[in-house]
Amino acid sequence: MKVSDTHILIVPGYTNSGPDHWQSRWERKLSTARRVVQAEWSKPVREDWVARMIHEVNAATKPVVIIAHSLGVPTAVHALPHCKRRIAGAFLVAPPDVDNSKIRPKHFMTFGPYPRDPLPFPSLMIASRNDPFGSYDHAGDIANAWGSLLIDAGEAGHINTESGHGPWPEGSMVFAQFLSRLQA
């Protein structure tokens, strides 16, 4: 599948992805990409975020490819049962452990629990061994439940600008390979 064959939805997490974040950079480079914009980035409400995601998927005129980071991952997964348009695949990065009461901010817990049903399309998850918002074991558990291919990013923090992943060329190469294997 080529970029031009899809609507790529960038689904940021808590506080959005700033201009140097890899999601923002990819959005600028990918001609069919658009961001799922939330009304409230710093005080996320699950129902509002999920409703916005559903709206964006259902407005697409081509198969959708999701690129979700952090709190964008549970947002996207909770929206799936209500999406009417075809989702061709999902690229999921740094899923937070929304069931862990020790994770801060507490807003994350309102996005749990994760659904456990297998995803009805190809998916790939990239997780770090030292992500402060979710353990690698947790990521492996949900990737297994969803049937997602799990890629070990090593000790990469939260895979965001603060952890040194502004351009994130390795992620871009993995995404290009993932996209090329999706069915039009």
Protein backbone atom coordinates (compact mmCIF):
# COMPACT_ATOMS: atom_id res chain seq x y z
CA MET A 1 0.00 0.00 0.00
CA LYS A 2 1.24 3.49 -0.80
CA VAL A 3 0.68 6.65 1.23
CA SER A 4 -1.55 8.00 -1.55
CA ASP A 5 -3.85 4.95 -1.19
CA THR A 6 -4.65 5.76 2.45
CA HIS A 7 -5.84 8.31 4.94
CA ILE A 8 -3.20 8.31 7.62
CA LEU A 9 -4.51 9.36 11.02
CA ILE A 10 -1.95 10.66 13.48
CA VAL A 11 -3.31 10.01 16.99
CA PRO A 12 -1.20 11.83 19.60
CA GLY A 13 -1.30 11.22 23.31
CA TYR A 14 -1.50 13.38 26.41
CA THR A 15 -0.63 17.07 25.75
CA ASN A 16 -0.42 16.44 21.98
CA SER A 17 2.80 15.95 20.03
CA GLY A 18 4.83 19.13 19.75
CA PRO A 19 6.40 20.39 16.51
CA ASP A 20 9.63 18.39 17.01
CA HIS A 21 7.90 15.12 17.94
CA TRP A 22 8.22 12.35 15.35
CA GLN A 23 4.44 12.28 14.84
CA SER A 24 4.41 15.97 13.89
CA ARG A 25 7.37 15.51 11.57
CA TRP A 26 5.71 12.52 9.88
CA GLU A 27 2.45 14.44 9.54
CA ARG A 28 4.32 17.16 7.63
CA LYS A 29 6.00 14.58 5.35
CA LEU A 30 3.11 12.21 4.62
CA SER A 31 0.81 13.79 2.05
CA THR A 32 -2.40 12.10 3.24
CA ALA A 33 -1.75 12.42 6.97
CA ARG A 34 -3.92 14.40 9.31
CA ARG A 35 -3.96 14.70 13.07
CA VAL A 36 -6.86 13.71 15.27
CA VAL A 37 -7.19 17.01 17.12
CA GLN A 38 -8.64 16.88 20.61
CA ALA A 39 -10.48 19.78 22.27
CA GLU A 40 -8.62 19.27 25.55
CA TRP A 41 -5.06 17.94 25.40
CA SER A 42 -4.06 18.34 29.05
CA LYS A 43 -7.25 17.02 30.69
CA PRO A 44 -8.24 14.13 28.45
CA VAL A 45 -11.72 12.69 28.73
CA ARG A 46 -11.94 9.20 27.25
CA GLU A 47 -15.42 9.61 25.78
CA ASP A 48 -14.48 12.89 24.06
CA TRP A 49 -11.19 11.57 22.69
CA VAL A 50 -12.79 8.37 21.42
CA ALA A 51 -15.69 10.27 19.82
CA ARG A 52 -13.24 12.51 17.98
CA MET A 53 -11.32 9.46 16.75
CA ILE A 54 -14.52 7.82 15.52
CA HIS A 55 -15.48 11.00 13.67
CA GLU A 56 -12.10 11.18 11.91
CA VAL A 57 -12.13 7.52 10.86
CA ASN A 58 -15.70 7.72 9.58
CA ALA A 59 -14.93 10.90 7.60
CA ALA A 60 -12.16 9.14 5.64
CA THR A 61 -12.73 8.35 1.98
CA LYS A 62 -9.83 5.90 1.68
CA PRO A 63 -8.69 3.02 3.91
CA VAL A 64 -7.33 4.37 7.20
CA VAL A 65 -3.89 3.70 8.62
CA ILE A 66 -3.56 4.69 12.28
CA ILE A 67 -0.31 6.02 13.76
CA ALA A 68 -0.96 6.23 17.52
CA HIS A 69 1.42 7.20 20.29
CA SER A 70 0.96 6.90 24.05
CA LEU A 71 -2.62 7.77 25.11
CA GLY A 72 -3.50 7.74 21.42
CA VAL A 73 -3.21 3.93 21.53
CA PRO A 74 -6.13 3.29 23.92
CA THR A 75 -8.06 6.10 22.22
CA ALA A 76 -7.78 4.34 18.86
CA VAL A 77 -8.53 0.87 20.21
CA HIS A 78 -11.62 2.00 22.14
CA ALA A 79 -12.93 3.70 18.97
CA LEU A 80 -12.69 0.61 16.76
CA PRO A 81 -16.11 -0.95 17.43
CA HIS A 82 -17.77 2.29 16.29
CA CYS A 83 -15.75 2.92 13.14
CA LYS A 84 -17.63 2.41 9.88
CA ARG A 85 -14.73 2.94 7.46
CA ARG A 86 -12.11 0.34 6.64
CA ILE A 87 -9.00 0.42 8.79
CA ALA A 88 -6.11 -1.09 6.85
CA GLY A 89 -3.64 -1.18 9.74
CA ALA A 90 -2.36 0.38 12.95
CA PHE A 91 1.16 1.45 13.95
CA LEU A 92 1.06 1.65 17.76
CA VAL A 93 3.89 3.21 19.76
CA ALA A 94 4.59 3.36 23.51
CA PRO A 95 1.22 2.21 24.89
CA PRO A 96 0.72 3.41 28.46
CA ASP A 97 -0.33 0.96 31.15
CA VAL A 98 -3.76 2.48 31.74
CA ASP A 99 -4.54 -0.09 34.44
CA ASN A 100 -1.54 0.77 36.63
CA SER A 101 -2.58 3.04 39.53
CA LYS A 102 1.04 4.18 39.97
CA ILE A 103 1.23 5.72 36.49
CA ARG A 104 0.94 9.50 36.39
CA PRO A 105 -0.94 11.49 35.35
CA LYS A 106 -4.05 9.82 36.76
CA HIS A 107 -5.98 10.77 33.58
CA PHE A 108 -4.40 7.73 31.93
CA MET A 109 -6.39 5.34 34.10
CA THR A 110 -9.71 6.65 32.76
CA PHE A 111 -8.71 5.15 29.38
CA GLY A 112 -8.54 1.61 30.78
CA PRO A 113 -8.95 -1.18 30.68
CA TYR A 114 -7.72 -2.09 27.22
CA PRO A 115 -10.04 -4.27 25.14
CA ARG A 116 -8.52 -7.75 24.74
CA ASP A 117 -10.11 -8.82 21.44
CA PRO A 118 -7.77 -9.38 18.48
CA LEU A 119 -7.61 -6.40 16.14
CA PRO A 120 -9.37 -7.05 12.81
CA PHE A 121 -6.45 -5.68 10.75
CA PRO A 122 -2.64 -5.87 10.74
CA SER A 123 -0.96 -4.01 13.57
CA LEU A 124 2.53 -3.37 14.79
CA MET A 125 3.49 -2.20 18.27
CA ILE A 126 6.78 -0.62 19.26
CA ALA A 127 7.59 -0.54 22.97
CA SER A 128 10.53 0.46 25.10
CA ARG A 129 12.18 -1.40 27.95
CA ASN A 130 12.28 1.73 30.16
CA ASP A 131 9.11 3.62 29.30
CA PRO A 132 7.98 5.50 32.43
CA PHE A 133 4.32 5.16 31.37
CA GLY A 134 4.18 1.44 30.69
CA SER A 135 6.33 -1.65 31.03
CA TYR A 136 7.58 -3.72 28.13
CA ASP A 137 5.86 -6.76 29.64
CA HIS A 138 2.54 -4.92 29.63
CA ALA A 139 3.05 -3.91 26.00
CA GLY A 140 3.84 -7.51 25.15
CA ASP A 141 0.70 -8.71 26.87
CA ILE A 142 -1.63 -6.39 24.96
CA ALA A 143 0.25 -6.92 21.68
CA ASN A 144 -0.27 -10.65 22.14
CA ALA A 145 -4.00 -10.20 22.87
CA TRP A 146 -4.44 -7.98 19.81
CA GLY A 147 -2.32 -10.11 17.47
CA SER A 148 0.11 -7.23 16.97
CA LEU A 149 3.71 -7.73 15.96
CA LEU A 150 5.78 -6.41 18.90
CA ILE A 151 9.08 -4.65 18.21
CA ASP A 152 11.52 -4.12 21.08
CA ALA A 153 12.87 -0.54 20.94
CA GLY A 154 15.40 -1.26 23.69
CA GLU A 155 15.87 1.42 26.31
CA ALA A 156 14.16 4.21 24.40
CA GLY A 157 12.13 5.93 27.12
CA HIS A 158 8.68 7.02 26.00
CA ILE A 159 9.78 7.25 22.35
CA ASN A 160 9.11 10.96 22.24
CA THR A 161 11.05 14.20 21.88
CA GLU A 162 12.18 14.13 25.52
CA SER A 163 13.77 10.70 25.01
CA GLY A 164 15.62 11.88 21.89
CA HIS A 165 13.10 10.70 19.29
CA GLY A 166 12.44 13.85 17.32
CA PRO A 167 13.00 12.69 13.74
CA TRP A 168 13.11 8.97 14.69
CA PRO A 169 14.41 7.65 11.34
CA GLU A 170 14.34 4.02 12.58
CA GLY A 171 10.63 4.33 13.27
CA SER A 172 10.05 5.89 9.87
CA MET A 173 11.77 2.95 8.16
CA VAL A 174 9.71 0.43 10.16
CA PHE A 175 6.52 2.31 9.29
CA ALA A 176 7.42 2.35 5.57
CA GLN A 177 7.93 -1.42 5.65
CA PHE A 178 4.67 -1.91 7.55
CA LEU A 179 2.73 0.26 5.10
CA SER A 180 4.19 -1.54 2.07
CA ARG A 181 2.82 -4.85 3.39
CA LEU A 182 -0.76 -3.66 3.86
CA GLN A 183 -3.44 -4.59 1.34
CA ALA A 184 -5.06 -1.82 -0.66
